[in-house]
Amino acid sequence: MEKIDLICIGCPMGCPISVEMENGEVVSVTGNTCPRGDAYARKEVTNPTRIVTSTVRVTGGKLAMASVKTASDIPKGRIFDCVKALKDVEIPAPVTIGQVVLKDAAGTGVDIIATKNVPVA
């Protein structure tokens, strides 16, 4: 049986969690103080995902850059593909929060959206 120790990021408590696995299946999760910890641990050891945050260039805006993020989590192994896809993205002002900046980033099926308003200069 394999034991994996994690620190939960499901809530601010930061519980130390132990996951026992057998043949790639979760057998038990211990140490969590809330249900989110159990869900986080199971997902983290079987299919880890992350939200990606970055910036893109803005033309004609009061700011040269706008912060962006994935609209939902993507597989952890696709983070660098996502960041590479953003490298040459440049959008015109105005930019509004929630605006889709890049559709289907790196073939993940997840859009990149703006997280900052950038008005026209």
PDB file of N, CA and C in Angstrom:
ATOM      1  N   MET A   1       0.853  -1.176   0.000  1.00  0.00           N
ATOM      2  CA  MET A   1       0.000   0.000   0.000  1.00  0.00           C
ATOM      3  C   MET A   1       0.900   1.241   0.000  1.00  0.00           C
ATOM      4  N   GLU A   2       0.531   2.217  -0.807  1.00  0.00           N
ATOM      5  CA  GLU A   2       1.288   3.468  -0.921  1.00  0.00           C
ATOM      6  C   GLU A   2       0.626   4.547  -0.073  1.00  0.00           C
ATOM      7  N   LYS A   3       1.451   5.324   0.650  1.00  0.00           N
ATOM      8  CA  LYS A   3       0.928   6.425   1.467  1.00  0.00           C
ATOM      9  C   LYS A   3       1.472   7.741   0.914  1.00  0.00           C
ATOM     10  N   ILE A   4       0.572   8.695   0.680  1.00  0.00           N
ATOM     11  CA  ILE A   4       0.946  10.012   0.160  1.00  0.00           C
ATOM     12  C   ILE A   4       0.499  11.057   1.173  1.00  0.00           C
ATOM     13  N   ASP A   5       1.439  11.914   1.596  1.00  0.00           N
ATOM     14  CA  ASP A   5       1.125  12.985   2.534  1.00  0.00           C
ATOM     15  C   ASP A   5       1.001  14.303   1.783  1.00  0.00           C
ATOM     16  N   LEU A   6      -0.064  15.049   2.086  1.00  0.00           N
ATOM     17  CA  LEU A   6      -0.353  16.333   1.441  1.00  0.00           C
ATOM     18  C   LEU A   6      -0.701  17.374   2.495  1.00  0.00           C
ATOM     19  N   ILE A   7      -0.595  18.626   2.103  1.00  0.00           N
ATOM     20  CA  ILE A   7      -1.171  19.718   2.885  1.00  0.00           C
ATOM     21  C   ILE A   7      -2.359  20.213   2.079  1.00  0.00           C
ATOM     22  N   CYS A   8      -3.523  20.181   2.682  1.00  0.00           N
ATOM     23  CA  CYS A   8      -4.747  20.554   1.969  1.00  0.00           C
ATOM     24  C   CYS A   8      -4.770  22.057   1.672  1.00  0.00           C
ATOM     25  N   ILE A   9      -5.232  22.404   0.478  1.00  0.00           N
ATOM     26  CA  ILE A   9      -5.408  23.808   0.089  1.00  0.00           C
ATOM     27  C   ILE A   9      -6.881  24.098  -0.198  1.00  0.00           C
ATOM     28  N   GLY A  10      -7.757  23.205   0.265  1.00  0.00           N
ATOM     29  CA  GLY A  10      -9.192  23.357   0.017  1.00  0.00           C
ATOM     30  C   GLY A  10      -9.835  24.465   0.828  1.00  0.00           C
ATOM     31  N   CYS A  11      -9.227  24.821   1.954  1.00  0.00           N
ATOM     32  CA  CYS A  11      -9.715  25.912   2.797  1.00  0.00           C
ATOM     33  C   CYS A  11      -8.517  26.482   3.568  1.00  0.00           C
ATOM     34  N   PRO A  12      -8.682  27.543   4.311  1.00  0.00           N
ATOM     35  CA  PRO A  12      -7.543  28.171   5.010  1.00  0.00           C
ATOM     36  C   PRO A  12      -6.924  27.346   6.139  1.00  0.00           C
ATOM     37  N   MET A  13      -7.525  26.242   6.551  1.00  0.00           N
ATOM     38  CA  MET A  13      -7.007  25.448   7.668  1.00  0.00           C
ATOM     39  C   MET A  13      -5.654  24.796   7.365  1.00  0.00           C
ATOM     40  N   GLY A  14      -5.406  24.397   6.123  1.00  0.00           N
ATOM     41  CA  GLY A  14      -4.131  23.778   5.761  1.00  0.00           C
ATOM     42  C   GLY A  14      -3.878  22.464   6.472  1.00  0.00           C
ATOM     43  N   CYS A  15      -4.864  21.600   6.514  1.00  0.00           N
ATOM     44  CA  CYS A  15      -4.749  20.327   7.232  1.00  0.00           C
ATOM     45  C   CYS A  15      -3.709  19.400   6.605  1.00  0.00           C
ATOM     46  N   PRO A  16      -2.915  18.705   7.443  1.00  0.00           N
ATOM     47  CA  PRO A  16      -2.038  17.650   6.920  1.00  0.00           C
ATOM     48  C   PRO A  16      -2.897  16.412   6.632  1.00  0.00           C
ATOM     49  N   ILE A  17      -2.876  15.950   5.406  1.00  0.00           N
ATOM     50  CA  ILE A  17      -3.721  14.833   4.983  1.00  0.00           C
ATOM     51  C   ILE A  17      -2.852  13.667   4.536  1.00  0.00           C
ATOM     52  N   SER A  18      -3.270  12.475   4.877  1.00  0.00           N
ATOM     53  CA  SER A  18      -2.615  11.253   4.408  1.00  0.00           C
ATOM     54  C   SER A  18      -3.596  10.487   3.534  1.00  0.00           C
ATOM     55  N   VAL A  19      -3.103  10.071   2.381  1.00  0.00           N
ATOM     56  CA  VAL A  19      -3.914   9.294   1.448  1.00  0.00           C
ATOM     57  C   VAL A  19      -3.247   7.934   1.282  1.00  0.00           C
ATOM     58  N   GLU A  20      -4.017   6.892   1.472  1.00  0.00           N
ATOM     59  CA  GLU A  20      -3.518   5.546   1.224  1.00  0.00           C
ATOM     60  C   GLU A  20      -4.099   5.062  -0.086  1.00  0.00           C
ATOM     61  N   MET A  21      -3.204   4.540  -0.939  1.00  0.00           N
ATOM     62  CA  MET A  21      -3.612   4.078  -2.264  1.00  0.00           C
ATOM     63  C   MET A  21      -3.162   2.643  -2.467  1.00  0.00           C
ATOM     64  N   GLU A  22      -3.965   1.927  -3.240  1.00  0.00           N
ATOM     65  CA  GLU A  22      -3.610   0.568  -3.606  1.00  0.00           C
ATOM     66  C   GLU A  22      -4.013   0.360  -5.061  1.00  0.00           C
ATOM     67  N   ASN A  23      -3.069  -0.037  -5.884  1.00  0.00           N
ATOM     68  CA  ASN A  23      -3.309  -0.261  -7.316  1.00  0.00           C
ATOM     69  C   ASN A  23      -3.911   0.965  -8.001  1.00  0.00           C
ATOM     70  N   GLY A  24      -3.424   2.157  -7.643  1.00  0.00           N
ATOM     71  CA  GLY A  24      -3.884   3.394  -8.266  1.00  0.00           C
ATOM     72  C   GLY A  24      -5.237   3.886  -7.776  1.00  0.00           C
ATOM     73  N   GLU A  25      -5.824   3.228  -6.795  1.00  0.00           N
ATOM     74  CA  GLU A  25      -7.124   3.613  -6.245  1.00  0.00           C
ATOM     75  C   GLU A  25      -6.970   4.131  -4.825  1.00  0.00           C
ATOM     76  N   VAL A  26      -7.721   5.159  -4.471  1.00  0.00           N
ATOM     77  CA  VAL A  26      -7.697   5.702  -3.124  1.00  0.00           C
ATOM     78  C   VAL A  26      -8.435   4.737  -2.197  1.00  0.00           C
ATOM     79  N   VAL A  27      -7.739   4.317  -1.144  1.00  0.00           N
ATOM     80  CA  VAL A  27      -8.325   3.410  -0.165  1.00  0.00           C
ATOM     81  C   VAL A  27      -8.855   4.206   1.017  1.00  0.00           C
ATOM     82  N   SER A  28      -8.079   5.221   1.466  1.00  0.00           N
ATOM     83  CA  SER A  28      -8.541   6.037   2.593  1.00  0.00           C
ATOM     84  C   SER A  28      -7.896   7.417   2.563  1.00  0.00           C
ATOM     85  N   VAL A  29      -8.603   8.376   3.157  1.00  0.00           N
ATOM     86  CA  VAL A  29      -8.112   9.738   3.330  1.00  0.00           C
ATOM     87  C   VAL A  29      -8.294  10.072   4.807  1.00  0.00           C
ATOM     88  N   THR A  30      -7.208  10.494   5.473  1.00  0.00           N
ATOM     89  CA  THR A  30      -7.296  10.856   6.889  1.00  0.00           C
ATOM     90  C   THR A  30      -6.606  12.185   7.133  1.00  0.00           C
ATOM     91  N   GLY A  31      -7.012  12.856   8.201  1.00  0.00           N
ATOM     92  CA  GLY A  31      -6.384  14.113   8.595  1.00  0.00           C
ATOM     93  C   GLY A  31      -7.173  15.350   8.216  1.00  0.00           C
ATOM     94  N   ASN A  32      -8.129  15.212   7.315  1.00  0.00           N
ATOM     95  CA  ASN A  32      -8.923  16.368   6.904  1.00  0.00           C
ATOM     96  C   ASN A  32      -9.954  16.689   7.987  1.00  0.00           C
ATOM     97  N   THR A  33     -10.216  17.985   8.177  1.00  0.00           N
ATOM     98  CA  THR A  33     -11.215  18.396   9.168  1.00  0.00           C
ATOM     99  C   THR A  33     -12.523  18.852   8.522  1.00  0.00           C
ATOM    100  N   CYS A  34     -12.564  18.864   7.190  1.00  0.00           N
ATOM    101  CA  CYS A  34     -13.806  19.220   6.505  1.00  0.00           C
ATOM    102  C   CYS A  34     -13.930  18.368   5.243  1.00  0.00           C
ATOM    103  N   PRO A  35     -15.125  18.278   4.671  1.00  0.00           N
ATOM    104  CA  PRO A  35     -15.331  17.451   3.471  1.00  0.00           C
ATOM    105  C   PRO A  35     -14.501  17.909   2.264  1.00  0.00           C
ATOM    106  N   ARG A  36     -14.180  19.205   2.222  1.00  0.00           N
ATOM    107  CA  ARG A  36     -13.379  19.695   1.088  1.00  0.00           C
ATOM    108  C   ARG A  36     -12.000  19.039   1.066  1.00  0.00           C
ATOM    109  N   GLY A  37     -11.472  18.730   2.246  1.00  0.00           N
ATOM    110  CA  GLY A  37     -10.165  18.089   2.329  1.00  0.00           C
ATOM    111  C   GLY A  37     -10.167  16.713   1.703  1.00  0.00           C
ATOM    112  N   ASP A  38     -11.211  15.955   1.951  1.00  0.00           N
ATOM    113  CA  ASP A  38     -11.329  14.627   1.361  1.00  0.00           C
ATOM    114  C   ASP A  38     -11.391  14.729  -0.159  1.00  0.00           C
ATOM    115  N   ALA A  39     -12.225  15.633  -0.659  1.00  0.00           N
ATOM    116  CA  ALA A  39     -12.370  15.807  -2.114  1.00  0.00           C
ATOM    117  C   ALA A  39     -11.060  16.278  -2.740  1.00  0.00           C
ATOM    118  N   TYR A  40     -10.387  17.247  -2.085  1.00  0.00           N
ATOM    119  CA  TYR A  40      -9.118  17.757  -2.605  1.00  0.00           C
ATOM    120  C   TYR A  40      -8.090  16.631  -2.695  1.00  0.00           C
ATOM    121  N   ALA A  41      -7.947  15.860  -1.619  1.00  0.00           N
ATOM    122  CA  ALA A  41      -6.935  14.804  -1.577  1.00  0.00           C
ATOM    123  C   ALA A  41      -7.174  13.756  -2.662  1.00  0.00           C
ATOM    124  N   ARG A  42      -8.414  13.335  -2.807  1.00  0.00           N
ATOM    125  CA  ARG A  42      -8.718  12.323  -3.821  1.00  0.00           C
ATOM    126  C   ARG A  42      -8.399  12.820  -5.239  1.00  0.00           C
ATOM    127  N   LYS A  43      -8.752  14.067  -5.506  1.00  0.00           N
ATOM    128  CA  LYS A  43      -8.485  14.636  -6.829  1.00  0.00           C
ATOM    129  C   LYS A  43      -6.982  14.851  -7.038  1.00  0.00           C
ATOM    130  N   GLU A  44      -6.297  15.322  -6.008  1.00  0.00           N
ATOM    131  CA  GLU A  44      -4.870  15.635  -6.136  1.00  0.00           C
ATOM    132  C   GLU A  44      -4.026  14.406  -6.445  1.00  0.00           C
ATOM    133  N   VAL A  45      -4.382  13.254  -5.894  1.00  0.00           N
ATOM    134  CA  VAL A  45      -3.570  12.060  -6.133  1.00  0.00           C
ATOM    135  C   VAL A  45      -3.994  11.282  -7.385  1.00  0.00           C
ATOM    136  N   THR A  46      -5.187  11.564  -7.912  1.00  0.00           N
ATOM    137  CA  THR A  46      -5.633  10.838  -9.097  1.00  0.00           C
ATOM    138  C   THR A  46      -5.653  11.682 -10.363  1.00  0.00           C
ATOM    139  N   ASN A  47      -5.992  12.970 -10.244  1.00  0.00           N
ATOM    140  CA  ASN A  47      -6.094  13.849 -11.412  1.00  0.00           C
ATOM    141  C   ASN A  47      -5.852  15.299 -10.985  1.00  0.00           C
ATOM    142  N   PRO A  48      -4.593  15.666 -10.689  1.00  0.00           N
ATOM    143  CA  PRO A  48      -4.334  17.026 -10.197  1.00  0.00           C
ATOM    144  C   PRO A  48      -4.596  18.091 -11.261  1.00  0.00           C
ATOM    145  N   THR A  49      -5.237  19.181 -10.838  1.00  0.00           N
ATOM    146  CA  THR A  49      -5.528  20.292 -11.740  1.00  0.00           C
ATOM    147  C   THR A  49      -5.147  21.598 -11.065  1.00  0.00           C
ATOM    148  N   ARG A  50      -5.012  22.650 -11.861  1.00  0.00           N
ATOM    149  CA  ARG A  50      -4.654  23.957 -11.337  1.00  0.00           C
ATOM    150  C   ARG A  50      -5.335  25.054 -12.145  1.00  0.00           C
ATOM    151  N   ILE A  51      -5.497  26.227 -11.515  1.00  0.00           N
ATOM    152  CA  ILE A  51      -5.887  27.457 -12.207  1.00  0.00           C
ATOM    153  C   ILE A  51      -4.576  28.125 -12.604  1.00  0.00           C
ATOM    154  N   VAL A  52      -4.470  28.597 -13.830  1.00  0.00           N
ATOM    155  CA  VAL A  52      -3.257  29.281 -14.297  1.00  0.00           C
ATOM    156  C   VAL A  52      -3.530  30.776 -14.328  1.00  0.00           C
ATOM    157  N   THR A  53      -2.615  31.558 -13.765  1.00  0.00           N
ATOM    158  CA  THR A  53      -2.709  33.019 -13.828  1.00  0.00           C
ATOM    159  C   THR A  53      -1.491  33.560 -14.559  1.00  0.00           C
ATOM    160  N   SER A  54      -1.686  34.642 -15.298  1.00  0.00           N
ATOM    161  CA  SER A  54      -0.600  35.243 -16.061  1.00  0.00           C
ATOM    162  C   SER A  54      -0.994  36.662 -16.451  1.00  0.00           C
ATOM    163  N   THR A  55      -0.293  37.213 -17.427  1.00  0.00           N
ATOM    164  CA  THR A  55      -0.620  38.526 -17.976  1.00  0.00           C
ATOM    165  C   THR A  55      -0.502  38.478 -19.495  1.00  0.00           C
ATOM    166  N   VAL A  56      -1.201  39.397 -20.157  1.00  0.00           N
ATOM    167  CA  VAL A  56      -1.075  39.555 -21.606  1.00  0.00           C
ATOM    168  C   VAL A  56      -0.889  41.043 -21.909  1.00  0.00           C
ATOM    169  N   ARG A  57      -0.278  41.313 -23.061  1.00  0.00           N
ATOM    170  CA  ARG A  57      -0.069  42.700 -23.483  1.00  0.00           C
ATOM    171  C   ARG A  57      -1.378  43.320 -23.955  1.00  0.00           C
ATOM    172  N   VAL A  58      -1.514  44.625 -23.681  1.00  0.00           N
ATOM    173  CA  VAL A  58      -2.687  45.383 -24.113  1.00  0.00           C
ATOM    174  C   VAL A  58      -2.206  46.534 -24.989  1.00  0.00           C
ATOM    175  N   THR A  59      -2.837  46.716 -26.166  1.00  0.00           N
ATOM    176  CA  THR A  59      -2.497  47.836 -27.022  1.00  0.00           C
ATOM    177  C   THR A  59      -3.552  48.927 -26.858  1.00  0.00           C
ATOM    178  N   GLY A  60      -3.094  50.171 -26.808  1.00  0.00           N
ATOM    179  CA  GLY A  60      -3.997  51.314 -26.734  1.00  0.00           C
ATOM    180  C   GLY A  60      -4.698  51.485 -25.403  1.00  0.00           C
ATOM    181  N   GLY A  61      -4.154  50.898 -24.360  1.00  0.00           N
ATOM    182  CA  GLY A  61      -4.792  50.995 -23.051  1.00  0.00           C
ATOM    183  C   GLY A  61      -4.028  51.883 -22.092  1.00  0.00           C
ATOM    184  N   LYS A  62      -4.684  52.251 -20.979  1.00  0.00           N
ATOM    185  CA  LYS A  62      -4.015  53.024 -19.930  1.00  0.00           C
ATOM    186  C   LYS A  62      -2.943  52.200 -19.241  1.00  0.00           C
ATOM    187  N   LEU A  63      -3.042  50.891 -19.348  1.00  0.00           N
ATOM    188  CA  LEU A  63      -2.027  49.980 -18.821  1.00  0.00           C
ATOM    189  C   LEU A  63      -1.489  49.140 -19.972  1.00  0.00           C
ATOM    190  N   ALA A  64      -0.228  48.750 -19.878  1.00  0.00           N
ATOM    191  CA  ALA A  64       0.395  47.963 -20.937  1.00  0.00           C
ATOM    192  C   ALA A  64       0.064  46.479 -20.844  1.00  0.00           C
ATOM    193  N   MET A  65      -0.383  46.037 -19.657  1.00  0.00           N
ATOM    194  CA  MET A  65      -0.648  44.623 -19.432  1.00  0.00           C
ATOM    195  C   MET A  65      -1.992  44.452 -18.712  1.00  0.00           C
ATOM    196  N   ALA A  66      -2.582  43.284 -18.895  1.00  0.00           N
ATOM    197  CA  ALA A  66      -3.806  42.921 -18.168  1.00  0.00           C
ATOM    198  C   ALA A  66      -3.591  41.538 -17.554  1.00  0.00           C
ATOM    199  N   SER A  67      -4.030  41.370 -16.320  1.00  0.00           N
ATOM    200  CA  SER A  67      -3.941  40.057 -15.688  1.00  0.00           C
ATOM    201  C   SER A  67      -5.032  39.158 -16.250  1.00  0.00           C
ATOM    202  N   VAL A  68      -4.701  37.871 -16.356  1.00  0.00           N
ATOM    203  CA  VAL A  68      -5.623  36.884 -16.904  1.00  0.00           C
ATOM    204  C   VAL A  68      -5.525  35.590 -16.099  1.00  0.00           C
ATOM    205  N   LYS A  69      -6.521  34.712 -16.285  1.00  0.00           N
ATOM    206  CA  LYS A  69      -6.486  33.392 -15.650  1.00  0.00           C
ATOM    207  C   LYS A  69      -7.329  32.427 -16.460  1.00  0.00           C
ATOM    208  N   THR A  70      -7.142  31.143 -16.198  1.00  0.00           N
ATOM    209  CA  THR A  70      -7.993  30.153 -16.845  1.00  0.00           C
ATOM    210  C   THR A  70      -9.387  30.260 -16.238  1.00  0.00           C
ATOM    211  N   ALA A  71     -10.399  30.066 -17.042  1.00  0.00           N
ATOM    212  CA  ALA A  71     -11.787  30.169 -16.574  1.00  0.00           C
ATOM    213  C   ALA A  71     -12.126  29.057 -15.589  1.00  0.00           C
ATOM    214  N   SER A  72     -11.405  27.946 -15.661  1.00  0.00           N
ATOM    215  CA  SER A  72     -11.544  26.845 -14.708  1.00  0.00           C
ATOM    216  C   SER A  72     -10.202  26.132 -14.643  1.00  0.00           C
ATOM    217  N   ASP A  73     -10.124  25.115 -13.805  1.00  0.00           N
ATOM    218  CA  ASP A  73      -8.845  24.434 -13.671  1.00  0.00           C
ATOM    219  C   ASP A  73      -8.544  23.565 -14.886  1.00  0.00           C
ATOM    220  N   ILE A  74      -7.248  23.359 -15.101  1.00  0.00           N
ATOM    221  CA  ILE A  74      -6.767  22.539 -16.211  1.00  0.00           C
ATOM    222  C   ILE A  74      -5.865  21.450 -15.627  1.00  0.00           C
ATOM    223  N   PRO A  75      -5.610  20.387 -16.382  1.00  0.00           N
ATOM    224  CA  PRO A  75      -4.692  19.364 -15.883  1.00  0.00           C
ATOM    225  C   PRO A  75      -3.327  19.974 -15.557  1.00  0.00           C
ATOM    226  N   LYS A  76      -2.776  19.577 -14.420  1.00  0.00           N
ATOM    227  CA  LYS A  76      -1.501  20.128 -13.953  1.00  0.00           C
ATOM    228  C   LYS A  76      -0.398  20.000 -15.009  1.00  0.00           C
ATOM    229  N   GLY A  77      -0.404  18.919 -15.744  1.00  0.00           N
ATOM    230  CA  GLY A  77       0.609  18.691 -16.770  1.00  0.00           C
ATOM    231  C   GLY A  77       0.506  19.606 -17.981  1.00  0.00           C
ATOM    232  N   ARG A  78      -0.552  20.397 -18.079  1.00  0.00           N
ATOM    233  CA  ARG A  78      -0.750  21.297 -19.221  1.00  0.00           C
ATOM    234  C   ARG A  78      -0.457  22.755 -18.893  1.00  0.00           C
ATOM    235  N   ILE A  79       0.023  23.036 -17.674  1.00  0.00           N
ATOM    236  CA  ILE A  79       0.282  24.417 -17.249  1.00  0.00           C
ATOM    237  C   ILE A  79       1.239  25.124 -18.211  1.00  0.00           C
ATOM    238  N   PHE A  80       2.379  24.520 -18.506  1.00  0.00           N
ATOM    239  CA  PHE A  80       3.369  25.182 -19.355  1.00  0.00           C
ATOM    240  C   PHE A  80       2.870  25.364 -20.783  1.00  0.00           C
ATOM    241  N   ASP A  81       2.066  24.425 -21.281  1.00  0.00           N
ATOM    242  CA  ASP A  81       1.461  24.580 -22.610  1.00  0.00           C
ATOM    243  C   ASP A  81       0.562  25.813 -22.631  1.00  0.00           C
ATOM    244  N   CYS A  82      -0.176  25.995 -21.559  1.00  0.00           N
ATOM    245  CA  CYS A  82      -1.097  27.131 -21.439  1.00  0.00           C
ATOM    246  C   CYS A  82      -0.317  28.452 -21.424  1.00  0.00           C
ATOM    247  N   VAL A  83       0.743  28.488 -20.641  1.00  0.00           N
ATOM    248  CA  VAL A  83       1.557  29.700 -20.535  1.00  0.00           C
ATOM    249  C   VAL A  83       2.213  30.012 -21.890  1.00  0.00           C
ATOM    250  N   LYS A  84       2.702  28.992 -22.576  1.00  0.00           N
ATOM    251  CA  LYS A  84       3.293  29.191 -23.910  1.00  0.00           C
ATOM    252  C   LYS A  84       2.269  29.773 -24.886  1.00  0.00           C
ATOM    253  N   ALA A  85       1.035  29.300 -24.800  1.00  0.00           N
ATOM    254  CA  ALA A  85      -0.031  29.786 -25.693  1.00  0.00           C
ATOM    255  C   ALA A  85      -0.306  31.267 -25.464  1.00  0.00           C
ATOM    256  N   LEU A  86      -0.023  31.762 -24.274  1.00  0.00           N
ATOM    257  CA  LEU A  86      -0.262  33.179 -23.947  1.00  0.00           C
ATOM    258  C   LEU A  86       0.892  34.094 -24.342  1.00  0.00           C
ATOM    259  N   LYS A  87       2.039  33.519 -24.645  1.00  0.00           N
ATOM    260  CA  LYS A  87       3.251  34.296 -24.889  1.00  0.00           C
ATOM    261  C   LYS A  87       3.073  35.429 -25.895  1.00  0.00           C
ATOM    262  N   ASP A  88       2.430  35.181 -26.996  1.00  0.00           N
ATOM    263  CA  ASP A  88       2.302  36.186 -28.056  1.00  0.00           C
ATOM    264  C   ASP A  88       0.920  36.830 -28.130  1.00  0.00           C
ATOM    265  N   VAL A  89       0.088  36.595 -27.117  1.00  0.00           N
ATOM    266  CA  VAL A  89      -1.265  37.173 -27.122  1.00  0.00           C
ATOM    267  C   VAL A  89      -1.193  38.661 -26.797  1.00  0.00           C
ATOM    268  N   GLU A  90      -1.836  39.459 -27.636  1.00  0.00           N
ATOM    269  CA  GLU A  90      -1.919  40.909 -27.444  1.00  0.00           C
ATOM    270  C   GLU A  90      -3.359  41.303 -27.749  1.00  0.00           C
ATOM    271  N   ILE A  91      -3.992  42.020 -26.828  1.00  0.00           N
ATOM    272  CA  ILE A  91      -5.392  42.380 -27.025  1.00  0.00           C
ATOM    273  C   ILE A  91      -5.557  43.895 -27.013  1.00  0.00           C
ATOM    274  N   PRO A  92      -6.518  44.404 -27.774  1.00  0.00           N
ATOM    275  CA  PRO A  92      -6.751  45.849 -27.794  1.00  0.00           C
ATOM    276  C   PRO A  92      -7.612  46.295 -26.606  1.00  0.00           C
ATOM    277  N   ALA A  93      -7.348  47.503 -26.135  1.00  0.00           N
ATOM    278  CA  ALA A  93      -8.192  48.106 -25.098  1.00  0.00           C
ATOM    279  C   ALA A  93      -9.496  48.526 -25.759  1.00  0.00           C
ATOM    280  N   PRO A  94     -10.589  48.603 -25.054  1.00  0.00           N
ATOM    281  CA  PRO A  94     -10.723  48.340 -23.627  1.00  0.00           C
ATOM    282  C   PRO A  94     -10.824  46.836 -23.333  1.00  0.00           C
ATOM    283  N   VAL A  95     -10.340  46.470 -22.146  1.00  0.00           N
ATOM    284  CA  VAL A  95     -10.413  45.099 -21.663  1.00  0.00           C
ATOM    285  C   VAL A  95     -11.318  45.106 -20.442  1.00  0.00           C
ATOM    286  N   THR A  96     -12.216  44.136 -20.358  1.00  0.00           N
ATOM    287  CA  THR A  96     -13.117  44.064 -19.207  1.00  0.00           C
ATOM    288  C   THR A  96     -12.967  42.725 -18.493  1.00  0.00           C
ATOM    289  N   ILE A  97     -13.163  42.765 -17.194  1.00  0.00           N
ATOM    290  CA  ILE A  97     -13.071  41.542 -16.393  1.00  0.00           C
ATOM    291  C   ILE A  97     -14.048  40.508 -16.942  1.00  0.00           C
ATOM    292  N   GLY A  98     -13.570  39.300 -17.126  1.00  0.00           N
ATOM    293  CA  GLY A  98     -14.397  38.216 -17.654  1.00  0.00           C
ATOM    294  C   GLY A  98     -14.336  38.059 -19.156  1.00  0.00           C
ATOM    295  N   GLN A  99     -13.750  39.036 -19.842  1.00  0.00           N
ATOM    296  CA  GLN A  99     -13.610  38.976 -21.301  1.00  0.00           C
ATOM    297  C   GLN A  99     -12.717  37.797 -21.684  1.00  0.00           C
ATOM    298  N   VAL A 100     -13.137  37.023 -22.678  1.00  0.00           N
ATOM    299  CA  VAL A 100     -12.315  35.910 -23.148  1.00  0.00           C
ATOM    300  C   VAL A 100     -11.141  36.477 -23.945  1.00  0.00           C
ATOM    301  N   VAL A 101      -9.965  36.141 -23.506  1.00  0.00           N
ATOM    302  CA  VAL A 101      -8.725  36.622 -24.126  1.00  0.00           C
ATOM    303  C   VAL A 101      -8.184  35.580 -25.102  1.00  0.00           C
ATOM    304  N   LEU A 102      -8.347  34.301 -24.751  1.00  0.00           N
ATOM    305  CA  LEU A 102      -7.883  33.203 -25.600  1.00  0.00           C
ATOM    306  C   LEU A 102      -8.830  32.024 -25.404  1.00  0.00           C
ATOM    307  N   LYS A 103      -9.453  31.592 -26.496  1.00  0.00           N
ATOM    308  CA  LYS A 103     -10.365  30.443 -26.420  1.00  0.00           C
ATOM    309  C   LYS A 103      -9.566  29.143 -26.445  1.00  0.00           C
ATOM    310  N   ASP A 104     -10.054  28.156 -25.717  1.00  0.00           N
ATOM    311  CA  ASP A 104      -9.485  26.801 -25.735  1.00  0.00           C
ATOM    312  C   ASP A 104      -7.959  26.820 -25.630  1.00  0.00           C
ATOM    313  N   ALA A 105      -7.454  27.392 -24.568  1.00  0.00           N
ATOM    314  CA  ALA A 105      -6.006  27.548 -24.388  1.00  0.00           C
ATOM    315  C   ALA A 105      -5.278  26.208 -24.488  1.00  0.00           C
ATOM    316  N   ALA A 106      -4.360  26.122 -25.415  1.00  0.00           N
ATOM    317  CA  ALA A 106      -3.507  24.949 -25.633  1.00  0.00           C
ATOM    318  C   ALA A 106      -4.308  23.653 -25.780  1.00  0.00           C
ATOM    319  N   GLY A 107      -5.502  23.756 -26.330  1.00  0.00           N
ATOM    320  CA  GLY A 107      -6.316  22.564 -26.553  1.00  0.00           C
ATOM    321  C   GLY A 107      -6.873  21.941 -25.285  1.00  0.00           C
ATOM    322  N   THR A 108      -6.941  22.701 -24.207  1.00  0.00           N
ATOM    323  CA  THR A 108      -7.447  22.178 -22.934  1.00  0.00           C
ATOM    324  C   THR A 108      -8.971  22.226 -22.859  1.00  0.00           C
ATOM    325  N   GLY A 109      -9.601  22.983 -23.755  1.00  0.00           N
ATOM    326  CA  GLY A 109     -11.042  23.178 -23.684  1.00  0.00           C
ATOM    327  C   GLY A 109     -11.430  24.284 -22.723  1.00  0.00           C
ATOM    328  N   VAL A 110     -10.430  24.953 -22.140  1.00  0.00           N
ATOM    329  CA  VAL A 110     -10.663  26.008 -21.151  1.00  0.00           C
ATOM    330  C   VAL A 110     -10.204  27.343 -21.727  1.00  0.00           C
ATOM    331  N   ASP A 111     -11.038  28.364 -21.593  1.00  0.00           N
ATOM    332  CA  ASP A 111     -10.704  29.707 -22.069  1.00  0.00           C
ATOM    333  C   ASP A 111      -9.855  30.449 -21.043  1.00  0.00           C
ATOM    334  N   ILE A 112      -9.080  31.422 -21.533  1.00  0.00           N
ATOM    335  CA  ILE A 112      -8.353  32.346 -20.667  1.00  0.00           C
ATOM    336  C   ILE A 112      -9.193  33.619 -20.630  1.00  0.00           C
ATOM    337  N   ILE A 113      -9.447  34.137 -19.420  1.00  0.00           N
ATOM    338  CA  ILE A 113     -10.260  35.340 -19.266  1.00  0.00           C
ATOM    339  C   ILE A 113      -9.488  36.441 -18.550  1.00  0.00           C
ATOM    340  N   ALA A 114      -9.875  37.690 -18.828  1.00  0.00           N
ATOM    341  CA  ALA A 114      -9.250  38.838 -18.180  1.00  0.00           C
ATOM    342  C   ALA A 114      -9.730  38.939 -16.741  1.00  0.00           C
ATOM    343  N   THR A 115      -8.825  39.365 -15.861  1.00  0.00           N
ATOM    344  CA  THR A 115      -9.173  39.558 -14.445  1.00  0.00           C
ATOM    345  C   THR A 115      -8.972  41.019 -14.024  1.00  0.00           C
ATOM    346  N   LYS A 116      -8.740  41.881 -15.017  1.00  0.00           N
ATOM    347  CA  LYS A 116      -8.538  43.311 -14.752  1.00  0.00           C
ATOM    348  C   LYS A 116      -9.161  44.125 -15.860  1.00  0.00           C
ATOM    349  N   ASN A 117      -9.795  45.211 -15.497  1.00  0.00           N
ATOM    350  CA  ASN A 117     -10.299  46.171 -16.491  1.00  0.00           C
ATOM    351  C   ASN A 117      -9.141  47.060 -16.937  1.00  0.00           C
ATOM    352  N   VAL A 118      -9.031  47.282 -18.229  1.00  0.00           N
ATOM    353  CA  VAL A 118      -8.031  48.204 -18.769  1.00  0.00           C
ATOM    354  C   VAL A 118      -8.770  49.135 -19.736  1.00  0.00           C
ATOM    355  N   PRO A 119      -8.950  50.408 -19.341  1.00  0.00           N
ATOM    356  CA  PRO A 119      -9.637  51.354 -20.214  1.00  0.00           C
ATOM    357  C   PRO A 119      -8.717  51.831 -21.350  1.00  0.00           C
ATOM    358  N   VAL A 120      -9.321  52.430 -22.356  1.00  0.00           N
ATOM    359  CA  VAL A 120      -8.569  53.009 -23.463  1.00  0.00           C
ATOM    360  C   VAL A 120      -7.772  54.205 -22.943  1.00  0.00           C
ATOM    361  N   ALA A 121      -6.569  54.358 -23.471  1.00  0.00           N
ATOM    362  CA  ALA A 121      -5.696  55.472 -23.040  1.00  0.00           C
ATOM    363  C   ALA A 121      -6.254  56.805 -23.489  1.00  0.00           C
TER     364      ALA A 121
END
